[in-house]
């Protein structure tokens, strides 16, 4: 009996040590933190044909996993290849000058080691602001079965532009305070990207955000920070705030209504009495994705939800055409 208990104790200690080693290895980063915020420049052939009318898109691309996003189901390489081809085709058709992505992968195991940002930038987007918000050596999610684990994840938010970008900042927003340590160690950073795009010798501030999805209190605190910064930049520059806000105005006390109340703010492809949904793409039932702009410095031409992108992601993109005043 003593031998058995001794063996059992040693086994428990061994398993504990193995778990601790795995935990710290898996939750460690694959990249230097200095590379989490980068302004990149490409040399692809590009076409600018706007006649002083410009266009911008926000798209939570869901790492091209379609409606399988975050679900414990097998995801084939063919799924990702097909979705990438679809997205590239539709972006060609829309031909926006600027695209703000959320949930875009940079050589992640879950999306078969494809740098999705680079593949899309080949369409002629020579200026890129990259913000890594998830960098794990091994992500054990979805939890079961282990064959469905994401593995190595390097993901984030990217702004792609045909016009020069400058003065880029990666703002890390408040984390969920009551996450248990083991969840917090693997949880992504929620980001606000801020950069300036130079158009017609004017500097337009772009703010690309992806707010907390699961904890409303944290999302509210994050949104207050975003609103504060929007008000600051909009005093001196034409400003566009866009992204996935994870809030639909049809719900009582919806946080997104705080943005609607900001003075001098416009909301693309949105009317209080009529608006199209952006989530999910199989049966859209919520509006989570928005493009806001300063009405005194930006003239809204038109906008819409881009249903043509189908189920390449679990979100649909939104596009806005505009002029500078």
C-alpha atoms as a PDB file:
ATOM      1  CA  UNK A   1       0.000   0.000   0.000  1.00  0.00           C
ATOM      2  CA  UNK A   2       2.821   2.409   0.885  1.00  0.00           C
ATOM      3  CA  UNK A   3       4.542   1.627  -2.409  1.00  0.00           C
ATOM      4  CA  UNK A   4       1.341   2.313  -4.303  1.00  0.00           C
ATOM      5  CA  UNK A   5       0.788   5.633  -2.516  1.00  0.00           C
ATOM      6  CA  UNK A   6       4.410   6.607  -3.126  1.00  0.00           C
ATOM      7  CA  UNK A   7       4.045   5.753  -6.814  1.00  0.00           C
ATOM      8  CA  UNK A   8       0.775   7.667  -7.011  1.00  0.00           C
ATOM      9  CA  UNK A   9       2.332  10.735  -5.357  1.00  0.00           C
ATOM     10  CA  UNK A  10       5.290  10.680  -7.748  1.00  0.00           C
ATOM     11  CA  UNK A  11       2.929  10.323 -10.707  1.00  0.00           C
ATOM     12  CA  UNK A  12       0.855  13.298  -9.569  1.00  0.00           C
ATOM     13  CA  UNK A  13       3.997  15.399  -9.079  1.00  0.00           C
ATOM     14  CA  UNK A  14       5.290  14.400 -12.496  1.00  0.00           C
ATOM     15  CA  UNK A  15       2.003  15.256 -14.185  1.00  0.00           C
ATOM     16  CA  UNK A  16       1.902  18.565 -12.330  1.00  0.00           C
ATOM     17  CA  UNK A  17       5.399  19.472 -13.491  1.00  0.00           C
ATOM     18  CA  UNK A  18       4.539  18.476 -17.064  1.00  0.00           C
ATOM     19  CA  UNK A  19       1.381  20.592 -16.931  1.00  0.00           C
ATOM     20  CA  UNK A  20       3.238  23.633 -15.589  1.00  0.00           C
ATOM     21  CA  UNK A  21       5.933  23.327 -18.264  1.00  0.00           C
ATOM     22  CA  UNK A  22       3.286  22.950 -20.997  1.00  0.00           C
ATOM     23  CA  UNK A  23       1.252  25.873 -19.642  1.00  0.00           C
ATOM     24  CA  UNK A  24       4.185  28.296 -19.704  1.00  0.00           C
ATOM     25  CA  UNK A  25       5.445  27.047 -23.059  1.00  0.00           C
ATOM     26  CA  UNK A  26       2.015  27.137 -24.720  1.00  0.00           C
ATOM     27  CA  UNK A  27       1.153  30.609 -23.419  1.00  0.00           C
ATOM     28  CA  UNK A  28       4.518  32.100 -24.373  1.00  0.00           C
ATOM     29  CA  UNK A  29       4.848  34.324 -27.433  1.00  0.00           C
ATOM     30  CA  UNK A  30       6.341  33.409 -30.796  1.00  0.00           C
ATOM     31  CA  UNK A  31       7.291  36.977 -31.735  1.00  0.00           C
ATOM     32  CA  UNK A  32       9.136  39.879 -30.162  1.00  0.00           C
ATOM     33  CA  UNK A  33       6.655  42.288 -28.616  1.00  0.00           C
ATOM     34  CA  UNK A  34       8.335  45.102 -30.543  1.00  0.00           C
ATOM     35  CA  UNK A  35       6.858  43.559 -33.717  1.00  0.00           C
ATOM     36  CA  UNK A  36       3.268  43.723 -32.445  1.00  0.00           C
ATOM     37  CA  UNK A  37       2.844  47.195 -33.956  1.00  0.00           C
ATOM     38  CA  UNK A  38       4.360  47.650 -37.417  1.00  0.00           C
ATOM     39  CA  UNK A  39       3.936  50.034 -40.316  1.00  0.00           C
ATOM     40  CA  UNK A  40       4.801  48.043 -43.431  1.00  0.00           C
ATOM     41  CA  UNK A  41       5.279  49.085 -47.036  1.00  0.00           C
ATOM     42  CA  UNK A  42       4.892  46.919 -50.138  1.00  0.00           C
ATOM     43  CA  UNK A  43       5.678  47.474 -53.791  1.00  0.00           C
ATOM     44  CA  UNK A  44       2.710  45.931 -55.534  1.00  0.00           C
ATOM     45  CA  UNK A  45       1.120  47.349 -58.660  1.00  0.00           C
ATOM     46  CA  UNK A  46      -1.829  49.478 -57.628  1.00  0.00           C
ATOM     47  CA  UNK A  47      -4.675  51.345 -59.324  1.00  0.00           C
ATOM     48  CA  UNK A  48      -6.250  54.478 -57.861  1.00  0.00           C
ATOM     49  CA  UNK A  49      -9.406  55.500 -59.653  1.00  0.00           C
ATOM     50  CA  UNK A  50     -11.575  57.545 -57.346  1.00  0.00           C
ATOM     51  CA  UNK A  51     -12.141  61.033 -58.829  1.00  0.00           C
ATOM     52  CA  UNK A  52     -11.944  62.534 -55.322  1.00  0.00           C
ATOM     53  CA  UNK A  53     -14.388  59.947 -54.001  1.00  0.00           C
ATOM     54  CA  UNK A  54     -12.755  57.424 -51.689  1.00  0.00           C
ATOM     55  CA  UNK A  55     -13.955  54.207 -50.143  1.00  0.00           C
ATOM     56  CA  UNK A  56     -13.237  52.340 -46.929  1.00  0.00           C
ATOM     57  CA  UNK A  57     -14.296  48.905 -45.665  1.00  0.00           C
ATOM     58  CA  UNK A  58     -14.423  47.346 -42.222  1.00  0.00           C
ATOM     59  CA  UNK A  59     -14.342  43.550 -42.123  1.00  0.00           C
ATOM     60  CA  UNK A  60     -14.078  41.074 -39.281  1.00  0.00           C
ATOM     61  CA  UNK A  61     -12.666  38.381 -41.521  1.00  0.00           C
ATOM     62  CA  UNK A  62     -12.865  35.693 -38.848  1.00  0.00           C
ATOM     63  CA  UNK A  63      -9.511  34.289 -40.031  1.00  0.00           C
ATOM     64  CA  UNK A  64     -11.443  33.038 -43.109  1.00  0.00           C
ATOM     65  CA  UNK A  65     -13.058  30.233 -41.119  1.00  0.00           C
ATOM     66  CA  UNK A  66     -16.596  31.139 -42.145  1.00  0.00           C
ATOM     67  CA  UNK A  67     -19.345  29.878 -39.881  1.00  0.00           C
ATOM     68  CA  UNK A  68     -16.935  27.389 -38.258  1.00  0.00           C
ATOM     69  CA  UNK A  69     -15.313  30.238 -36.298  1.00  0.00           C
ATOM     70  CA  UNK A  70     -14.514  29.129 -32.712  1.00  0.00           C
ATOM     71  CA  UNK A  71     -16.410  25.864 -33.177  1.00  0.00           C
ATOM     72  CA  UNK A  72     -14.931  22.434 -32.475  1.00  0.00           C
ATOM     73  CA  UNK A  73     -15.374  21.179 -36.015  1.00  0.00           C
ATOM     74  CA  UNK A  74     -12.803  20.075 -38.567  1.00  0.00           C
ATOM     75  CA  UNK A  75     -11.620  22.900 -40.803  1.00  0.00           C
ATOM     76  CA  UNK A  76      -9.978  21.771 -44.037  1.00  0.00           C
ATOM     77  CA  UNK A  77      -7.355  23.680 -45.967  1.00  0.00           C
ATOM     78  CA  UNK A  78      -9.800  23.693 -48.844  1.00  0.00           C
ATOM     79  CA  UNK A  79     -12.230  25.733 -46.709  1.00  0.00           C
ATOM     80  CA  UNK A  80      -9.625  28.449 -46.110  1.00  0.00           C
ATOM     81  CA  UNK A  81      -8.373  28.431 -49.707  1.00  0.00           C
ATOM     82  CA  UNK A  82     -11.923  28.752 -51.027  1.00  0.00           C
ATOM     83  CA  UNK A  83     -12.769  31.578 -48.624  1.00  0.00           C
ATOM     84  CA  UNK A  84      -9.556  33.459 -49.450  1.00  0.00           C
ATOM     85  CA  UNK A  85     -10.295  33.243 -53.171  1.00  0.00           C
ATOM     86  CA  UNK A  86     -13.835  34.477 -52.539  1.00  0.00           C
ATOM     87  CA  UNK A  87     -12.666  37.419 -50.436  1.00  0.00           C
ATOM     88  CA  UNK A  88      -9.998  38.412 -52.967  1.00  0.00           C
ATOM     89  CA  UNK A  89     -12.567  38.266 -55.782  1.00  0.00           C
ATOM     90  CA  UNK A  90     -15.062  40.441 -53.903  1.00  0.00           C
ATOM     91  CA  UNK A  91     -12.426  42.954 -52.790  1.00  0.00           C
ATOM     92  CA  UNK A  92     -11.411  43.303 -56.442  1.00  0.00           C
ATOM     93  CA  UNK A  93     -15.039  44.041 -57.303  1.00  0.00           C
ATOM     94  CA  UNK A  94     -15.476  46.640 -54.543  1.00  0.00           C
ATOM     95  CA  UNK A  95     -11.941  48.025 -55.015  1.00  0.00           C
ATOM     96  CA  UNK A  96     -11.819  50.004 -51.736  1.00  0.00           C
ATOM     97  CA  UNK A  97      -8.981  52.428 -51.082  1.00  0.00           C
ATOM     98  CA  UNK A  98      -8.682  51.334 -47.439  1.00  0.00           C
ATOM     99  CA  UNK A  99      -9.656  48.137 -45.596  1.00  0.00           C
ATOM    100  CA  UNK A 100      -9.686  47.693 -41.817  1.00  0.00           C
ATOM    101  CA  UNK A 101      -9.578  44.028 -40.793  1.00  0.00           C
ATOM    102  CA  UNK A 102     -10.252  42.355 -37.477  1.00  0.00           C
ATOM    103  CA  UNK A 103      -9.397  38.695 -36.681  1.00  0.00           C
ATOM    104  CA  UNK A 104      -6.879  38.336 -39.500  1.00  0.00           C
ATOM    105  CA  UNK A 105      -4.205  35.632 -39.227  1.00  0.00           C
ATOM    106  CA  UNK A 106      -0.475  35.951 -39.842  1.00  0.00           C
ATOM    107  CA  UNK A 107       0.881  32.404 -40.390  1.00  0.00           C
ATOM    108  CA  UNK A 108      -1.285  30.716 -37.749  1.00  0.00           C
ATOM    109  CA  UNK A 109      -1.656  26.947 -37.466  1.00  0.00           C
ATOM    110  CA  UNK A 110      -5.447  27.154 -37.372  1.00  0.00           C
ATOM    111  CA  UNK A 111      -5.488  28.708 -40.879  1.00  0.00           C
ATOM    112  CA  UNK A 112      -2.730  26.543 -42.363  1.00  0.00           C
ATOM    113  CA  UNK A 113       0.208  28.943 -41.967  1.00  0.00           C
ATOM    114  CA  UNK A 114      -1.061  31.495 -44.499  1.00  0.00           C
ATOM    115  CA  UNK A 115      -0.378  35.183 -43.942  1.00  0.00           C
ATOM    116  CA  UNK A 116      -3.839  36.401 -44.887  1.00  0.00           C
ATOM    117  CA  UNK A 117      -2.834  40.058 -44.678  1.00  0.00           C
ATOM    118  CA  UNK A 118      -0.053  39.587 -47.252  1.00  0.00           C
ATOM    119  CA  UNK A 119      -2.260  37.651 -49.657  1.00  0.00           C
ATOM    120  CA  UNK A 120      -4.889  40.404 -49.674  1.00  0.00           C
ATOM    121  CA  UNK A 121      -2.315  43.214 -49.834  1.00  0.00           C
ATOM    122  CA  UNK A 122      -1.143  41.811 -53.181  1.00  0.00           C
ATOM    123  CA  UNK A 123      -4.262  43.397 -54.666  1.00  0.00           C
ATOM    124  CA  UNK A 124      -2.375  46.704 -54.532  1.00  0.00           C
ATOM    125  CA  UNK A 125      -2.351  47.763 -50.889  1.00  0.00           C
ATOM    126  CA  UNK A 126       1.167  49.058 -50.391  1.00  0.00           C
ATOM    127  CA  UNK A 127       0.681  50.598 -46.956  1.00  0.00           C
ATOM    128  CA  UNK A 128      -0.134  48.371 -44.005  1.00  0.00           C
ATOM    129  CA  UNK A 129      -0.569  48.985 -40.278  1.00  0.00           C
ATOM    130  CA  UNK A 130      -0.387  45.651 -38.480  1.00  0.00           C
ATOM    131  CA  UNK A 131      -1.450  45.096 -34.873  1.00  0.00           C
ATOM    132  CA  UNK A 132      -0.865  41.645 -33.392  1.00  0.00           C
ATOM    133  CA  UNK A 133      -3.282  40.940 -30.555  1.00  0.00           C
ATOM    134  CA  UNK A 134      -2.952  37.176 -30.156  1.00  0.00           C
ATOM    135  CA  UNK A 135       0.407  35.423 -30.041  1.00  0.00           C
ATOM    136  CA  UNK A 136       0.485  31.966 -28.461  1.00  0.00           C
ATOM    137  CA  UNK A 137       2.738  28.993 -29.150  1.00  0.00           C
ATOM    138  CA  UNK A 138      -0.162  26.627 -28.603  1.00  0.00           C
ATOM    139  CA  UNK A 139      -3.784  27.545 -27.935  1.00  0.00           C
ATOM    140  CA  UNK A 140      -5.770  24.634 -26.418  1.00  0.00           C
ATOM    141  CA  UNK A 141      -9.090  25.894 -27.751  1.00  0.00           C
ATOM    142  CA  UNK A 142     -11.716  24.706 -28.578  1.00  0.00           C
ATOM    143  CA  UNK A 143     -11.214  22.624 -25.479  1.00  0.00           C
ATOM    144  CA  UNK A 144     -12.365  19.257 -26.751  1.00  0.00           C
ATOM    145  CA  UNK A 145     -11.390  17.217 -28.622  1.00  0.00           C
ATOM    146  CA  UNK A 146      -7.654  18.087 -28.664  1.00  0.00           C
ATOM    147  CA  UNK A 147      -7.554  17.461 -32.412  1.00  0.00           C
ATOM    148  CA  UNK A 148      -9.579  20.674 -32.811  1.00  0.00           C
ATOM    149  CA  UNK A 149      -7.115  22.873 -30.873  1.00  0.00           C
ATOM    150  CA  UNK A 150      -6.025  26.018 -32.698  1.00  0.00           C
ATOM    151  CA  UNK A 151      -2.343  25.343 -31.967  1.00  0.00           C
ATOM    152  CA  UNK A 152      -0.025  28.232 -32.770  1.00  0.00           C
ATOM    153  CA  UNK A 153      -1.959  31.481 -33.129  1.00  0.00           C
ATOM    154  CA  UNK A 154      -0.569  34.736 -34.483  1.00  0.00           C
ATOM    155  CA  UNK A 155      -3.493  36.998 -35.281  1.00  0.00           C
ATOM    156  CA  UNK A 156      -4.687  40.570 -35.009  1.00  0.00           C
ATOM    157  CA  UNK A 157      -5.961  43.649 -36.805  1.00  0.00           C
ATOM    158  CA  UNK A 158      -4.647  45.207 -40.009  1.00  0.00           C
ATOM    159  CA  UNK A 159      -5.317  48.406 -41.913  1.00  0.00           C
ATOM    160  CA  UNK A 160      -4.493  48.105 -45.629  1.00  0.00           C
ATOM    161  CA  UNK A 161      -4.331  51.270 -47.723  1.00  0.00           C
ATOM    162  CA  UNK A 162      -3.502  52.451 -51.221  1.00  0.00           C
ATOM    163  CA  UNK A 163      -2.484  55.777 -49.682  1.00  0.00           C
ATOM    164  CA  UNK A 164       0.413  56.442 -47.296  1.00  0.00           C
ATOM    165  CA  UNK A 165      -0.049  55.695 -43.606  1.00  0.00           C
ATOM    166  CA  UNK A 166       1.846  57.456 -40.822  1.00  0.00           C
ATOM    167  CA  UNK A 167       2.012  57.931 -37.037  1.00  0.00           C
ATOM    168  CA  UNK A 168       0.700  54.505 -36.123  1.00  0.00           C
ATOM    169  CA  UNK A 169      -0.286  53.558 -32.562  1.00  0.00           C
ATOM    170  CA  UNK A 170      -1.415  50.182 -31.197  1.00  0.00           C
ATOM    171  CA  UNK A 171      -3.582  50.866 -28.151  1.00  0.00           C
ATOM    172  CA  UNK A 172      -4.237  47.878 -25.889  1.00  0.00           C
ATOM    173  CA  UNK A 173      -7.654  48.203 -24.263  1.00  0.00           C
ATOM    174  CA  UNK A 174      -8.701  47.083 -20.792  1.00  0.00           C
ATOM    175  CA  UNK A 175      -8.660  43.328 -20.139  1.00  0.00           C
ATOM    176  CA  UNK A 176     -11.427  41.327 -18.467  1.00  0.00           C
ATOM    177  CA  UNK A 177     -10.491  41.759 -14.804  1.00  0.00           C
ATOM    178  CA  UNK A 178     -12.101  38.614 -13.418  1.00  0.00           C
ATOM    179  CA  UNK A 179     -10.780  36.125 -15.966  1.00  0.00           C
ATOM    180  CA  UNK A 180      -9.136  33.196 -14.124  1.00  0.00           C
ATOM    181  CA  UNK A 181      -5.347  33.208 -14.604  1.00  0.00           C
ATOM    182  CA  UNK A 182      -5.342  30.164 -16.873  1.00  0.00           C
ATOM    183  CA  UNK A 183      -7.851  31.815 -19.242  1.00  0.00           C
ATOM    184  CA  UNK A 184      -6.232  35.220 -19.076  1.00  0.00           C
ATOM    185  CA  UNK A 185      -2.862  33.724 -20.035  1.00  0.00           C
ATOM    186  CA  UNK A 186      -4.315  32.588 -23.365  1.00  0.00           C
ATOM    187  CA  UNK A 187      -6.755  35.458 -23.963  1.00  0.00           C
ATOM    188  CA  UNK A 188      -6.259  37.955 -26.761  1.00  0.00           C
ATOM    189  CA  UNK A 189      -5.618  41.671 -26.337  1.00  0.00           C
ATOM    190  CA  UNK A 190      -8.473  43.889 -27.468  1.00  0.00           C
ATOM    191  CA  UNK A 191      -6.988  46.612 -29.641  1.00  0.00           C
ATOM    192  CA  UNK A 192      -7.618  50.058 -31.016  1.00  0.00           C
ATOM    193  CA  UNK A 193      -5.397  50.836 -33.992  1.00  0.00           C
ATOM    194  CA  UNK A 194      -4.839  54.527 -34.681  1.00  0.00           C
ATOM    195  CA  UNK A 195      -3.041  55.778 -37.763  1.00  0.00           C
ATOM    196  CA  UNK A 196      -3.224  58.635 -40.255  1.00  0.00           C
ATOM    197  CA  UNK A 197      -3.810  58.197 -43.972  1.00  0.00           C
ATOM    198  CA  UNK A 198      -2.606  61.003 -46.247  1.00  0.00           C
ATOM    199  CA  UNK A 199      -5.233  61.894 -48.865  1.00  0.00           C
ATOM    200  CA  UNK A 200      -5.252  65.131 -50.876  1.00  0.00           C
ATOM    201  CA  UNK A 201      -2.485  66.426 -48.610  1.00  0.00           C
ATOM    202  CA  UNK A 202      -4.821  65.981 -45.646  1.00  0.00           C
ATOM    203  CA  UNK A 203      -4.245  63.643 -42.736  1.00  0.00           C
ATOM    204  CA  UNK A 204      -7.317  61.531 -42.023  1.00  0.00           C
ATOM    205  CA  UNK A 205      -7.257  59.657 -38.711  1.00  0.00           C
ATOM    206  CA  UNK A 206      -8.293  56.012 -38.929  1.00  0.00           C
ATOM    207  CA  UNK A 207      -9.348  54.178 -35.773  1.00  0.00           C
ATOM    208  CA  UNK A 208      -9.832  50.409 -36.155  1.00  0.00           C
ATOM    209  CA  UNK A 209     -11.304  48.676 -33.106  1.00  0.00           C
ATOM    210  CA  UNK A 210     -12.381  45.218 -31.948  1.00  0.00           C
ATOM    211  CA  UNK A 211     -14.168  45.407 -28.607  1.00  0.00           C
ATOM    212  CA  UNK A 212     -14.631  42.685 -25.985  1.00  0.00           C
ATOM    213  CA  UNK A 213     -17.263  40.148 -27.019  1.00  0.00           C
ATOM    214  CA  UNK A 214     -18.147  38.303 -23.815  1.00  0.00           C
ATOM    215  CA  UNK A 215     -17.989  40.732 -20.872  1.00  0.00           C
ATOM    216  CA  UNK A 216     -20.251  43.798 -21.147  1.00  0.00           C
ATOM    217  CA  UNK A 217     -18.643  45.742 -18.280  1.00  0.00           C
ATOM    218  CA  UNK A 218     -15.213  45.452 -19.865  1.00  0.00           C
ATOM    219  CA  UNK A 219     -16.634  46.318 -23.276  1.00  0.00           C
ATOM    220  CA  UNK A 220     -18.191  49.445 -21.791  1.00  0.00           C
ATOM    221  CA  UNK A 221     -14.903  50.564 -20.269  1.00  0.00           C
ATOM    222  CA  UNK A 222     -13.118  49.907 -23.551  1.00  0.00           C
ATOM    223  CA  UNK A 223     -15.705  51.920 -25.448  1.00  0.00           C
ATOM    224  CA  UNK A 224     -15.300  54.901 -23.118  1.00  0.00           C
ATOM    225  CA  UNK A 225     -11.579  54.932 -23.936  1.00  0.00           C
ATOM    226  CA  UNK A 226     -12.312  54.733 -27.653  1.00  0.00           C
ATOM    227  CA  UNK A 227     -14.850  57.579 -27.478  1.00  0.00           C
ATOM    228  CA  UNK A 228     -12.388  59.714 -25.517  1.00  0.00           C
ATOM    229  CA  UNK A 229      -9.722  59.242 -28.196  1.00  0.00           C
ATOM    230  CA  UNK A 230     -12.191  59.794 -31.032  1.00  0.00           C
ATOM    231  CA  UNK A 231     -13.210  63.137 -29.560  1.00  0.00           C
ATOM    232  CA  UNK A 232      -9.562  64.099 -29.166  1.00  0.00           C
ATOM    233  CA  UNK A 233      -8.553  63.377 -32.765  1.00  0.00           C
ATOM    234  CA  UNK A 234     -11.757  64.684 -34.337  1.00  0.00           C
ATOM    235  CA  UNK A 235     -11.024  68.162 -32.961  1.00  0.00           C
ATOM    236  CA  UNK A 236      -8.110  68.554 -35.387  1.00  0.00           C
ATOM    237  CA  UNK A 237      -8.513  65.938 -38.154  1.00  0.00           C
ATOM    238  CA  UNK A 238     -11.128  64.261 -40.295  1.00  0.00           C
ATOM    239  CA  UNK A 239     -11.637  61.029 -38.368  1.00  0.00           C
ATOM    240  CA  UNK A 240     -13.084  57.613 -39.208  1.00  0.00           C
ATOM    241  CA  UNK A 241     -13.843  55.137 -36.431  1.00  0.00           C
ATOM    242  CA  UNK A 242     -14.681  51.642 -37.616  1.00  0.00           C
ATOM    243  CA  UNK A 243     -14.565  47.995 -36.655  1.00  0.00           C
ATOM    244  CA  UNK A 244     -16.357  45.290 -34.709  1.00  0.00           C
ATOM    245  CA  UNK A 245     -18.036  46.863 -31.664  1.00  0.00           C
ATOM    246  CA  UNK A 246     -19.840  43.701 -30.533  1.00  0.00           C
ATOM    247  CA  UNK A 247     -22.991  45.700 -29.773  1.00  0.00           C
ATOM    248  CA  UNK A 248     -26.360  45.820 -31.519  1.00  0.00           C
ATOM    249  CA  UNK A 249     -28.645  48.829 -30.875  1.00  0.00           C
ATOM    250  CA  UNK A 250     -31.832  46.755 -30.692  1.00  0.00           C
ATOM    251  CA  UNK A 251     -30.937  45.579 -27.197  1.00  0.00           C
ATOM    252  CA  UNK A 252     -31.851  47.547 -24.096  1.00  0.00           C
ATOM    253  CA  UNK A 253     -28.962  49.717 -22.866  1.00  0.00           C
ATOM    254  CA  UNK A 254     -26.861  48.750 -25.898  1.00  0.00           C
ATOM    255  CA  UNK A 255     -23.426  50.329 -25.504  1.00  0.00           C
ATOM    256  CA  UNK A 256     -23.171  51.301 -29.165  1.00  0.00           C
ATOM    257  CA  UNK A 257     -25.828  53.974 -28.555  1.00  0.00           C
ATOM    258  CA  UNK A 258     -23.171  55.969 -26.691  1.00  0.00           C
ATOM    259  CA  UNK A 259     -21.347  56.389 -29.997  1.00  0.00           C
ATOM    260  CA  UNK A 260     -24.541  57.477 -31.760  1.00  0.00           C
ATOM    261  CA  UNK A 261     -24.830  60.357 -29.267  1.00  0.00           C
ATOM    262  CA  UNK A 262     -21.422  61.877 -30.025  1.00  0.00           C
ATOM    263  CA  UNK A 263     -21.923  65.347 -31.580  1.00  0.00           C
ATOM    264  CA  UNK A 264     -21.089  65.670 -35.271  1.00  0.00           C
ATOM    265  CA  UNK A 265     -20.814  61.915 -35.869  1.00  0.00           C
ATOM    266  CA  UNK A 266     -22.141  60.093 -38.917  1.00  0.00           C
ATOM    267  CA  UNK A 267     -22.936  56.390 -39.225  1.00  0.00           C
ATOM    268  CA  UNK A 268     -22.467  54.751 -42.632  1.00  0.00           C
ATOM    269  CA  UNK A 269     -25.091  52.383 -44.039  1.00  0.00           C
ATOM    270  CA  UNK A 270     -27.275  52.907 -40.995  1.00  0.00           C
ATOM    271  CA  UNK A 271     -30.652  54.465 -40.254  1.00  0.00           C
ATOM    272  CA  UNK A 272     -32.291  54.282 -36.838  1.00  0.00           C
ATOM    273  CA  UNK A 273     -35.445  52.861 -38.365  1.00  0.00           C
ATOM    274  CA  UNK A 274     -33.744  50.583 -40.883  1.00  0.00           C
ATOM    275  CA  UNK A 275     -30.356  48.938 -40.877  1.00  0.00           C
ATOM    276  CA  UNK A 276     -28.846  45.756 -42.234  1.00  0.00           C
ATOM    277  CA  UNK A 277     -27.295  43.088 -40.023  1.00  0.00           C
ATOM    278  CA  UNK A 278     -23.668  41.986 -40.216  1.00  0.00           C
ATOM    279  CA  UNK A 279     -23.630  38.899 -37.954  1.00  0.00           C
ATOM    280  CA  UNK A 280     -23.866  36.018 -38.503  1.00  0.00           C
ATOM    281  CA  UNK A 281     -23.547  35.338 -42.216  1.00  0.00           C
ATOM    282  CA  UNK A 282     -25.735  32.235 -42.327  1.00  0.00           C
ATOM    283  CA  UNK A 283     -28.758  33.983 -40.848  1.00  0.00           C
ATOM    284  CA  UNK A 284     -27.872  37.613 -39.984  1.00  0.00           C
ATOM    285  CA  UNK A 285     -29.577  38.799 -36.798  1.00  0.00           C
ATOM    286  CA  UNK A 286     -27.258  41.448 -35.263  1.00  0.00           C
ATOM    287  CA  UNK A 287     -25.488  44.628 -36.361  1.00  0.00           C
ATOM    288  CA  UNK A 288     -22.033  44.537 -34.773  1.00  0.00           C
ATOM    289  CA  UNK A 289     -19.866  46.260 -37.398  1.00  0.00           C
ATOM    290  CA  UNK A 290     -19.865  50.008 -38.082  1.00  0.00           C
ATOM    291  CA  UNK A 291     -18.145  52.880 -39.855  1.00  0.00           C
ATOM    292  CA  UNK A 292     -18.445  56.242 -38.056  1.00  0.00           C
ATOM    293  CA  UNK A 293     -17.105  59.561 -39.382  1.00  0.00           C
ATOM    294  CA  UNK A 294     -16.889  63.270 -38.588  1.00  0.00           C
ATOM    295  CA  UNK A 295     -19.689  64.957 -40.546  1.00  0.00           C
ATOM    296  CA  UNK A 296     -18.102  68.435 -40.593  1.00  0.00           C
ATOM    297  CA  UNK A 297     -14.934  67.224 -42.364  1.00  0.00           C
ATOM    298  CA  UNK A 298     -16.130  64.143 -44.276  1.00  0.00           C
ATOM    299  CA  UNK A 299     -18.989  64.115 -46.784  1.00  0.00           C
ATOM    300  CA  UNK A 300     -20.841  60.798 -46.806  1.00  0.00           C
ATOM    301  CA  UNK A 301     -21.658  59.601 -50.327  1.00  0.00           C
ATOM    302  CA  UNK A 302     -23.072  56.121 -49.792  1.00  0.00           C
ATOM    303  CA  UNK A 303     -22.590  52.904 -47.888  1.00  0.00           C
ATOM    304  CA  UNK A 304     -23.891  49.375 -47.541  1.00  0.00           C
ATOM    305  CA  UNK A 305     -23.387  45.962 -46.001  1.00  0.00           C
ATOM    306  CA  UNK A 306     -21.516  43.767 -48.472  1.00  0.00           C
ATOM    307  CA  UNK A 307     -23.633  40.628 -48.598  1.00  0.00           C
ATOM    308  CA  UNK A 308     -21.676  39.417 -51.620  1.00  0.00           C
ATOM    309  CA  UNK A 309     -18.882  38.182 -49.341  1.00  0.00           C
ATOM    310  CA  UNK A 310     -21.192  35.425 -48.139  1.00  0.00           C
ATOM    311  CA  UNK A 311     -19.965  32.994 -45.505  1.00  0.00           C
ATOM    312  CA  UNK A 312     -16.232  33.601 -45.943  1.00  0.00           C
ATOM    313  CA  UNK A 313     -16.426  34.885 -42.347  1.00  0.00           C
ATOM    314  CA  UNK A 314     -19.129  34.878 -39.707  1.00  0.00           C
ATOM    315  CA  UNK A 315     -19.319  38.680 -40.194  1.00  0.00           C
ATOM    316  CA  UNK A 316     -20.246  40.711 -43.263  1.00  0.00           C
ATOM    317  CA  UNK A 317     -18.170  43.761 -44.262  1.00  0.00           C
ATOM    318  CA  UNK A 318     -19.462  47.335 -44.401  1.00  0.00           C
ATOM    319  CA  UNK A 319     -18.302  49.846 -47.034  1.00  0.00           C
ATOM    320  CA  UNK A 320     -18.489  53.647 -47.105  1.00  0.00           C
ATOM    321  CA  UNK A 321     -17.783  56.022 -49.997  1.00  0.00           C
ATOM    322  CA  UNK A 322     -16.851  59.569 -49.002  1.00  0.00           C
ATOM    323  CA  UNK A 323     -15.307  62.899 -49.953  1.00  0.00           C
ATOM    324  CA  UNK A 324     -13.148  65.181 -47.854  1.00  0.00           C
ATOM    325  CA  UNK A 325     -14.676  68.593 -47.190  1.00  0.00           C
END
